[in-house]
Protein backbone atom coordinates (compact mmCIF):
# COMPACT_ATOMS: atom_id res chain seq x y z
CA UNK A 1 0.00 0.00 0.00
CA UNK A 2 2.88 2.46 0.31
CA UNK A 3 2.69 3.06 -3.43
CA UNK A 4 -0.97 4.20 -3.20
CA UNK A 5 -0.44 6.71 -0.43
CA UNK A 6 1.45 9.37 -2.47
CA UNK A 7 -1.05 8.99 -5.34
CA UNK A 8 -3.93 9.42 -2.90
CA UNK A 9 -2.33 12.53 -1.41
CA UNK A 10 -1.76 13.90 -4.91
CA UNK A 11 -5.44 13.28 -5.82
CA UNK A 12 -6.61 14.89 -2.56
CA UNK A 13 -4.41 17.92 -3.29
CA UNK A 14 -5.82 18.01 -6.83
CA UNK A 15 -9.39 18.02 -5.49
CA UNK A 16 -8.60 20.73 -2.94
CA UNK A 17 -6.98 22.93 -5.60
CA UNK A 18 -9.94 22.49 -7.93
CA UNK A 19 -12.37 23.42 -5.13
CA UNK A 20 -10.27 26.45 -4.12
CA UNK A 21 -10.15 27.63 -7.73
CA UNK A 22 -13.91 27.36 -8.03
CA UNK A 23 -14.48 29.26 -4.81
CA UNK A 24 -12.32 32.14 -6.01
CA UNK A 25 -13.69 32.32 -9.55
CA UNK A 26 -16.84 34.33 -8.89
CA UNK A 27 -16.57 37.24 -6.47
CA UNK A 28 -20.07 38.64 -7.09
CA UNK A 29 -22.43 38.13 -4.17
CA UNK A 30 -25.43 36.51 -5.79
CA UNK A 31 -27.55 33.94 -4.03
CA UNK A 32 -26.18 30.49 -4.73
CA UNK A 33 -27.85 28.47 -7.44
CA UNK A 34 -30.52 26.36 -5.85
CA UNK A 35 -30.99 28.70 -2.84
CA UNK A 36 -34.72 28.59 -3.50
CA UNK A 37 -36.43 25.21 -3.40
CA UNK A 38 -35.23 23.37 -6.48
CA UNK A 39 -37.64 22.21 -9.11
CA UNK A 40 -36.86 18.67 -10.12
CA UNK A 41 -36.39 18.29 -13.86
CA UNK A 42 -38.80 15.87 -15.50
CA UNK A 43 -37.38 12.38 -16.06
CA UNK A 44 -35.42 11.94 -19.26
CA UNK A 45 -37.41 10.20 -21.95
CA UNK A 46 -36.05 7.88 -24.62
CA UNK A 47 -36.52 10.57 -27.28
CA UNK A 48 -34.50 13.12 -25.27
CA UNK A 49 -31.83 10.55 -24.40
CA UNK A 50 -31.48 9.65 -28.11
CA UNK A 51 -30.32 13.18 -29.04
CA UNK A 52 -27.27 15.01 -27.72
CA UNK A 53 -26.99 14.91 -23.93
CA UNK A 54 -28.80 17.77 -22.18
CA UNK A 55 -25.58 18.89 -20.46
CA UNK A 56 -23.89 19.87 -23.73
CA UNK A 57 -23.16 23.61 -23.71
CA UNK A 58 -21.58 26.30 -21.59
CA UNK A 59 -22.32 26.48 -17.85
CA UNK A 60 -21.13 28.82 -15.09
CA UNK A 61 -21.65 29.49 -11.36
CA UNK A 62 -23.58 32.66 -12.30
CA UNK A 63 -24.74 34.45 -15.45
CA UNK A 64 -22.08 37.13 -14.87
CA UNK A 65 -19.29 34.58 -15.08
CA UNK A 66 -20.42 32.90 -18.32
CA UNK A 67 -18.06 34.78 -20.63
CA UNK A 68 -14.81 34.39 -18.72
CA UNK A 69 -15.34 31.62 -16.13
CA UNK A 70 -17.63 29.19 -17.96
CA UNK A 71 -17.42 25.41 -18.00
CA UNK A 72 -17.57 23.87 -21.48
CA UNK A 73 -19.30 20.50 -21.72
CA UNK A 74 -19.50 18.44 -24.89
CA UNK A 75 -20.95 14.97 -25.37
CA UNK A 76 -17.48 13.53 -24.58
CA UNK A 77 -15.65 16.08 -22.42
CA UNK A 78 -15.72 18.62 -19.62
CA UNK A 79 -13.34 21.60 -19.39
CA UNK A 80 -13.42 23.82 -16.31
CA UNK A 81 -12.20 27.43 -16.30
CA UNK A 82 -9.21 26.15 -14.31
CA UNK A 83 -6.96 23.20 -15.04
CA UNK A 84 -9.57 20.42 -14.66
CA UNK A 85 -10.57 18.47 -17.74
CA UNK A 86 -12.39 15.16 -18.09
CA UNK A 87 -12.94 12.82 -21.03
CA UNK A 88 -15.91 10.45 -21.06
CA UNK A 89 -18.02 8.34 -23.36
CA UNK A 90 -21.55 6.97 -23.34
CA UNK A 91 -23.36 9.12 -20.78
CA UNK A 92 -25.97 6.95 -19.06
CA UNK A 93 -29.32 8.76 -18.59
CA UNK A 94 -30.90 8.53 -15.13
CA UNK A 95 -34.20 9.88 -13.83
CA UNK A 96 -32.40 13.06 -12.64
CA UNK A 97 -29.61 13.50 -15.22
CA UNK A 98 -26.63 11.38 -16.23
CA UNK A 99 -23.85 9.22 -14.82
CA UNK A 100 -20.57 8.99 -16.70
CA UNK A 101 -17.37 6.99 -16.44
CA UNK A 102 -14.59 9.50 -16.96
CA UNK A 103 -10.87 10.09 -16.84
CA UNK A 104 -10.17 13.47 -15.26
CA UNK A 105 -6.87 15.32 -15.15
CA UNK A 106 -5.24 18.38 -13.69
CA UNK A 107 -1.74 18.86 -15.04
CA UNK A 108 -0.05 15.46 -14.93
CA UNK A 109 -2.43 14.01 -12.31
CA UNK A 110 -4.85 11.63 -14.07
CA UNK A 111 -7.66 9.73 -12.32
CA UNK A 112 -10.38 7.40 -13.66
CA UNK A 113 -13.65 8.27 -11.93
CA UNK A 114 -17.45 8.31 -12.02
CA UNK A 115 -19.27 11.63 -12.50
CA UNK A 116 -22.90 12.41 -11.69
CA UNK A 117 -24.73 15.23 -13.51
CA UNK A 118 -28.07 16.20 -11.93
CA UNK A 119 -30.50 18.70 -13.46
CA UNK A 120 -32.80 21.04 -11.53
CA UNK A 121 -34.97 23.99 -12.55
CA UNK A 122 -36.17 22.36 -15.78
CA UNK A 123 -32.65 21.85 -17.14
CA UNK A 124 -31.45 25.40 -16.44
CA UNK A 125 -29.27 24.30 -13.51
CA UNK A 126 -26.76 21.48 -13.39
CA UNK A 127 -25.02 19.99 -10.37
CA UNK A 128 -21.75 18.11 -10.87
CA UNK A 129 -20.72 15.61 -8.22
CA UNK A 130 -18.60 12.53 -7.77
CA UNK A 131 -15.15 12.14 -9.26
CA UNK A 132 -12.77 14.96 -8.38
CA UNK A 133 -15.43 17.08 -6.67
CA UNK A 134 -15.29 16.98 -2.86
CA UNK A 135 -18.44 19.13 -2.81
CA UNK A 136 -21.17 19.29 -5.48
CA UNK A 137 -20.65 22.08 -8.02
CA UNK A 138 -23.80 24.03 -8.99
CA UNK A 139 -23.84 25.65 -12.42
CA UNK A 140 -26.40 27.54 -14.54
CA UNK A 141 -26.77 27.24 -18.30
CA UNK A 142 -25.21 30.23 -20.04
CA UNK A 143 -27.19 32.17 -22.64
CA UNK A 144 -26.57 30.86 -26.16
CA UNK A 145 -25.06 34.19 -27.32
CA UNK A 146 -22.28 33.72 -24.74
CA UNK A 147 -21.71 30.17 -26.01
CA UNK A 148 -21.46 31.22 -29.62
CA UNK A 149 -19.32 34.27 -28.79
CA UNK A 150 -16.82 32.16 -26.85
CA UNK A 151 -16.54 29.47 -29.53
CA UNK A 152 -16.74 31.63 -32.66
CA UNK A 153 -13.54 32.21 -34.64
CA UNK A 154 -12.20 35.76 -34.69
CA UNK A 155 -13.80 37.97 -37.34
CA UNK A 156 -11.61 38.51 -40.36
CA UNK A 157 -11.03 41.91 -41.84
CA UNK A 158 -13.05 42.80 -44.93
CA UNK A 159 -10.17 44.93 -46.30
CA UNK A 160 -8.37 43.46 -49.32
CA UNK A 161 -5.04 41.79 -48.61
C-alpha atoms as a PDB file:
ATOM      1  CA  UNK A   1       0.000   0.000   0.000  1.00  0.00           C
ATOM      2  CA  UNK A   2       2.884   2.463   0.314  1.00  0.00           C
ATOM      3  CA  UNK A   3       2.687   3.062  -3.430  1.00  0.00           C
ATOM      4  CA  UNK A   4      -0.970   4.199  -3.203  1.00  0.00           C
ATOM      5  CA  UNK A   5      -0.444   6.714  -0.427  1.00  0.00           C
ATOM      6  CA  UNK A   6       1.450   9.368  -2.467  1.00  0.00           C
ATOM      7  CA  UNK A   7      -1.045   8.992  -5.338  1.00  0.00           C
ATOM      8  CA  UNK A   8      -3.934   9.418  -2.904  1.00  0.00           C
ATOM      9  CA  UNK A   9      -2.333  12.530  -1.407  1.00  0.00           C
ATOM     10  CA  UNK A  10      -1.761  13.901  -4.907  1.00  0.00           C
ATOM     11  CA  UNK A  11      -5.438  13.277  -5.817  1.00  0.00           C
ATOM     12  CA  UNK A  12      -6.605  14.890  -2.556  1.00  0.00           C
ATOM     13  CA  UNK A  13      -4.410  17.922  -3.286  1.00  0.00           C
ATOM     14  CA  UNK A  14      -5.819  18.007  -6.833  1.00  0.00           C
ATOM     15  CA  UNK A  15      -9.393  18.023  -5.493  1.00  0.00           C
ATOM     16  CA  UNK A  16      -8.597  20.726  -2.937  1.00  0.00           C
ATOM     17  CA  UNK A  17      -6.976  22.934  -5.598  1.00  0.00           C
ATOM     18  CA  UNK A  18      -9.945  22.494  -7.932  1.00  0.00           C
ATOM     19  CA  UNK A  19     -12.374  23.421  -5.131  1.00  0.00           C
ATOM     20  CA  UNK A  20     -10.270  26.448  -4.121  1.00  0.00           C
ATOM     21  CA  UNK A  21     -10.145  27.633  -7.726  1.00  0.00           C
ATOM     22  CA  UNK A  22     -13.909  27.363  -8.035  1.00  0.00           C
ATOM     23  CA  UNK A  23     -14.477  29.259  -4.809  1.00  0.00           C
ATOM     24  CA  UNK A  24     -12.315  32.137  -6.012  1.00  0.00           C
ATOM     25  CA  UNK A  25     -13.689  32.321  -9.552  1.00  0.00           C
ATOM     26  CA  UNK A  26     -16.841  34.327  -8.891  1.00  0.00           C
ATOM     27  CA  UNK A  27     -16.575  37.241  -6.467  1.00  0.00           C
ATOM     28  CA  UNK A  28     -20.073  38.637  -7.088  1.00  0.00           C
ATOM     29  CA  UNK A  29     -22.428  38.126  -4.168  1.00  0.00           C
ATOM     30  CA  UNK A  30     -25.429  36.510  -5.785  1.00  0.00           C
ATOM     31  CA  UNK A  31     -27.548  33.943  -4.034  1.00  0.00           C
ATOM     32  CA  UNK A  32     -26.184  30.488  -4.734  1.00  0.00           C
ATOM     33  CA  UNK A  33     -27.851  28.474  -7.439  1.00  0.00           C
ATOM     34  CA  UNK A  34     -30.520  26.361  -5.853  1.00  0.00           C
ATOM     35  CA  UNK A  35     -30.985  28.698  -2.845  1.00  0.00           C
ATOM     36  CA  UNK A  36     -34.717  28.590  -3.500  1.00  0.00           C
ATOM     37  CA  UNK A  37     -36.425  25.215  -3.397  1.00  0.00           C
ATOM     38  CA  UNK A  38     -35.230  23.367  -6.479  1.00  0.00           C
ATOM     39  CA  UNK A  39     -37.640  22.207  -9.114  1.00  0.00           C
ATOM     40  CA  UNK A  40     -36.856  18.668 -10.125  1.00  0.00           C
ATOM     41  CA  UNK A  41     -36.393  18.294 -13.863  1.00  0.00           C
ATOM     42  CA  UNK A  42     -38.796  15.871 -15.501  1.00  0.00           C
ATOM     43  CA  UNK A  43     -37.384  12.382 -16.058  1.00  0.00           C
ATOM     44  CA  UNK A  44     -35.423  11.944 -19.257  1.00  0.00           C
ATOM     45  CA  UNK A  45     -37.409  10.204 -21.954  1.00  0.00           C
ATOM     46  CA  UNK A  46     -36.054   7.885 -24.618  1.00  0.00           C
ATOM     47  CA  UNK A  47     -36.516  10.573 -27.282  1.00  0.00           C
ATOM     48  CA  UNK A  48     -34.498  13.121 -25.270  1.00  0.00           C
ATOM     49  CA  UNK A  49     -31.835  10.550 -24.402  1.00  0.00           C
ATOM     50  CA  UNK A  50     -31.478   9.646 -28.115  1.00  0.00           C
ATOM     51  CA  UNK A  51     -30.318  13.179 -29.044  1.00  0.00           C
ATOM     52  CA  UNK A  52     -27.268  15.010 -27.724  1.00  0.00           C
ATOM     53  CA  UNK A  53     -26.991  14.915 -23.932  1.00  0.00           C
ATOM     54  CA  UNK A  54     -28.797  17.772 -22.179  1.00  0.00           C
ATOM     55  CA  UNK A  55     -25.584  18.886 -20.459  1.00  0.00           C
ATOM     56  CA  UNK A  56     -23.892  19.871 -23.735  1.00  0.00           C
ATOM     57  CA  UNK A  57     -23.163  23.611 -23.712  1.00  0.00           C
ATOM     58  CA  UNK A  58     -21.576  26.304 -21.590  1.00  0.00           C
ATOM     59  CA  UNK A  59     -22.319  26.483 -17.854  1.00  0.00           C
ATOM     60  CA  UNK A  60     -21.128  28.820 -15.086  1.00  0.00           C
ATOM     61  CA  UNK A  61     -21.647  29.490 -11.356  1.00  0.00           C
ATOM     62  CA  UNK A  62     -23.581  32.664 -12.301  1.00  0.00           C
ATOM     63  CA  UNK A  63     -24.741  34.448 -15.450  1.00  0.00           C
ATOM     64  CA  UNK A  64     -22.081  37.129 -14.869  1.00  0.00           C
ATOM     65  CA  UNK A  65     -19.293  34.580 -15.079  1.00  0.00           C
ATOM     66  CA  UNK A  66     -20.419  32.899 -18.315  1.00  0.00           C
ATOM     67  CA  UNK A  67     -18.065  34.778 -20.626  1.00  0.00           C
ATOM     68  CA  UNK A  68     -14.811  34.389 -18.718  1.00  0.00           C
ATOM     69  CA  UNK A  69     -15.340  31.615 -16.129  1.00  0.00           C
ATOM     70  CA  UNK A  70     -17.634  29.194 -17.955  1.00  0.00           C
ATOM     71  CA  UNK A  71     -17.418  25.413 -17.999  1.00  0.00           C
ATOM     72  CA  UNK A  72     -17.571  23.870 -21.480  1.00  0.00           C
ATOM     73  CA  UNK A  73     -19.299  20.499 -21.721  1.00  0.00           C
ATOM     74  CA  UNK A  74     -19.503  18.441 -24.889  1.00  0.00           C
ATOM     75  CA  UNK A  75     -20.947  14.966 -25.374  1.00  0.00           C
ATOM     76  CA  UNK A  76     -17.479  13.532 -24.579  1.00  0.00           C
ATOM     77  CA  UNK A  77     -15.654  16.079 -22.417  1.00  0.00           C
ATOM     78  CA  UNK A  78     -15.723  18.623 -19.617  1.00  0.00           C
ATOM     79  CA  UNK A  79     -13.340  21.597 -19.391  1.00  0.00           C
ATOM     80  CA  UNK A  80     -13.424  23.817 -16.310  1.00  0.00           C
ATOM     81  CA  UNK A  81     -12.196  27.428 -16.305  1.00  0.00           C
ATOM     82  CA  UNK A  82      -9.206  26.154 -14.308  1.00  0.00           C
ATOM     83  CA  UNK A  83      -6.964  23.203 -15.037  1.00  0.00           C
ATOM     84  CA  UNK A  84      -9.567  20.422 -14.659  1.00  0.00           C
ATOM     85  CA  UNK A  85     -10.567  18.468 -17.738  1.00  0.00           C
ATOM     86  CA  UNK A  86     -12.392  15.162 -18.095  1.00  0.00           C
ATOM     87  CA  UNK A  87     -12.939  12.820 -21.027  1.00  0.00           C
ATOM     88  CA  UNK A  88     -15.910  10.451 -21.060  1.00  0.00           C
ATOM     89  CA  UNK A  89     -18.025   8.344 -23.364  1.00  0.00           C
ATOM     90  CA  UNK A  90     -21.554   6.971 -23.341  1.00  0.00           C
ATOM     91  CA  UNK A  91     -23.359   9.116 -20.777  1.00  0.00           C
ATOM     92  CA  UNK A  92     -25.972   6.946 -19.064  1.00  0.00           C
ATOM     93  CA  UNK A  93     -29.316   8.756 -18.589  1.00  0.00           C
ATOM     94  CA  UNK A  94     -30.903   8.531 -15.132  1.00  0.00           C
ATOM     95  CA  UNK A  95     -34.205   9.883 -13.830  1.00  0.00           C
ATOM     96  CA  UNK A  96     -32.398  13.055 -12.642  1.00  0.00           C
ATOM     97  CA  UNK A  97     -29.613  13.498 -15.221  1.00  0.00           C
ATOM     98  CA  UNK A  98     -26.630  11.376 -16.232  1.00  0.00           C
ATOM     99  CA  UNK A  99     -23.851   9.221 -14.821  1.00  0.00           C
ATOM    100  CA  UNK A 100     -20.573   8.987 -16.698  1.00  0.00           C
ATOM    101  CA  UNK A 101     -17.374   6.987 -16.439  1.00  0.00           C
ATOM    102  CA  UNK A 102     -14.586   9.499 -16.956  1.00  0.00           C
ATOM    103  CA  UNK A 103     -10.869  10.093 -16.839  1.00  0.00           C
ATOM    104  CA  UNK A 104     -10.166  13.472 -15.259  1.00  0.00           C
ATOM    105  CA  UNK A 105      -6.875  15.324 -15.148  1.00  0.00           C
ATOM    106  CA  UNK A 106      -5.235  18.379 -13.689  1.00  0.00           C
ATOM    107  CA  UNK A 107      -1.744  18.856 -15.041  1.00  0.00           C
ATOM    108  CA  UNK A 108      -0.050  15.457 -14.927  1.00  0.00           C
ATOM    109  CA  UNK A 109      -2.430  14.005 -12.315  1.00  0.00           C
ATOM    110  CA  UNK A 110      -4.855  11.632 -14.072  1.00  0.00           C
ATOM    111  CA  UNK A 111      -7.656   9.732 -12.323  1.00  0.00           C
ATOM    112  CA  UNK A 112     -10.384   7.402 -13.655  1.00  0.00           C
ATOM    113  CA  UNK A 113     -13.650   8.267 -11.929  1.00  0.00           C
ATOM    114  CA  UNK A 114     -17.455   8.308 -12.019  1.00  0.00           C
ATOM    115  CA  UNK A 115     -19.270  11.628 -12.498  1.00  0.00           C
ATOM    116  CA  UNK A 116     -22.900  12.409 -11.695  1.00  0.00           C
ATOM    117  CA  UNK A 117     -24.726  15.228 -13.506  1.00  0.00           C
ATOM    118  CA  UNK A 118     -28.066  16.203 -11.925  1.00  0.00           C
ATOM    119  CA  UNK A 119     -30.505  18.699 -13.456  1.00  0.00           C
ATOM    120  CA  UNK A 120     -32.796  21.041 -11.531  1.00  0.00           C
ATOM    121  CA  UNK A 121     -34.970  23.992 -12.550  1.00  0.00           C
ATOM    122  CA  UNK A 122     -36.168  22.362 -15.776  1.00  0.00           C
ATOM    123  CA  UNK A 123     -32.651  21.849 -17.141  1.00  0.00           C
ATOM    124  CA  UNK A 124     -31.449  25.398 -16.443  1.00  0.00           C
ATOM    125  CA  UNK A 125     -29.272  24.304 -13.513  1.00  0.00           C
ATOM    126  CA  UNK A 126     -26.764  21.476 -13.390  1.00  0.00           C
ATOM    127  CA  UNK A 127     -25.024  19.986 -10.367  1.00  0.00           C
ATOM    128  CA  UNK A 128     -21.754  18.115 -10.872  1.00  0.00           C
ATOM    129  CA  UNK A 129     -20.722  15.607  -8.221  1.00  0.00           C
ATOM    130  CA  UNK A 130     -18.598  12.533  -7.768  1.00  0.00           C
ATOM    131  CA  UNK A 131     -15.154  12.145  -9.263  1.00  0.00           C
ATOM    132  CA  UNK A 132     -12.767  14.963  -8.381  1.00  0.00           C
ATOM    133  CA  UNK A 133     -15.430  17.079  -6.670  1.00  0.00           C
ATOM    134  CA  UNK A 134     -15.287  16.981  -2.861  1.00  0.00           C
ATOM    135  CA  UNK A 135     -18.441  19.126  -2.810  1.00  0.00           C
ATOM    136  CA  UNK A 136     -21.174  19.294  -5.476  1.00  0.00           C
ATOM    137  CA  UNK A 137     -20.645  22.078  -8.023  1.00  0.00           C
ATOM    138  CA  UNK A 138     -23.800  24.030  -8.986  1.00  0.00           C
ATOM    139  CA  UNK A 139     -23.841  25.646 -12.422  1.00  0.00           C
ATOM    140  CA  UNK A 140     -26.405  27.541 -14.539  1.00  0.00           C
ATOM    141  CA  UNK A 141     -26.771  27.236 -18.298  1.00  0.00           C
ATOM    142  CA  UNK A 142     -25.206  30.229 -20.038  1.00  0.00           C
ATOM    143  CA  UNK A 143     -27.191  32.170 -22.643  1.00  0.00           C
ATOM    144  CA  UNK A 144     -26.571  30.865 -26.161  1.00  0.00           C
ATOM    145  CA  UNK A 145     -25.065  34.190 -27.316  1.00  0.00           C
ATOM    146  CA  UNK A 146     -22.277  33.719 -24.737  1.00  0.00           C
ATOM    147  CA  UNK A 147     -21.711  30.165 -26.010  1.00  0.00           C
ATOM    148  CA  UNK A 148     -21.458  31.218 -29.618  1.00  0.00           C
ATOM    149  CA  UNK A 149     -19.321  34.272 -28.789  1.00  0.00           C
ATOM    150  CA  UNK A 150     -16.821  32.161 -26.852  1.00  0.00           C
ATOM    151  CA  UNK A 151     -16.538  29.471 -29.530  1.00  0.00           C
ATOM    152  CA  UNK A 152     -16.744  31.625 -32.662  1.00  0.00           C
ATOM    153  CA  UNK A 153     -13.543  32.212 -34.639  1.00  0.00           C
ATOM    154  CA  UNK A 154     -12.202  35.764 -34.694  1.00  0.00           C
ATOM    155  CA  UNK A 155     -13.802  37.969 -37.337  1.00  0.00           C
ATOM    156  CA  UNK A 156     -11.613  38.514 -40.362  1.00  0.00           C
ATOM    157  CA  UNK A 157     -11.033  41.912 -41.844  1.00  0.00           C
ATOM    158  CA  UNK A 158     -13.048  42.802 -44.930  1.00  0.00           C
ATOM    159  CA  UNK A 159     -10.166  44.929 -46.298  1.00  0.00           C
ATOM    160  CA  UNK A 160      -8.373  43.461 -49.323  1.00  0.00           C
ATOM    161  CA  UNK A 161      -5.036  41.792 -48.610  1.00  0.00           C
END
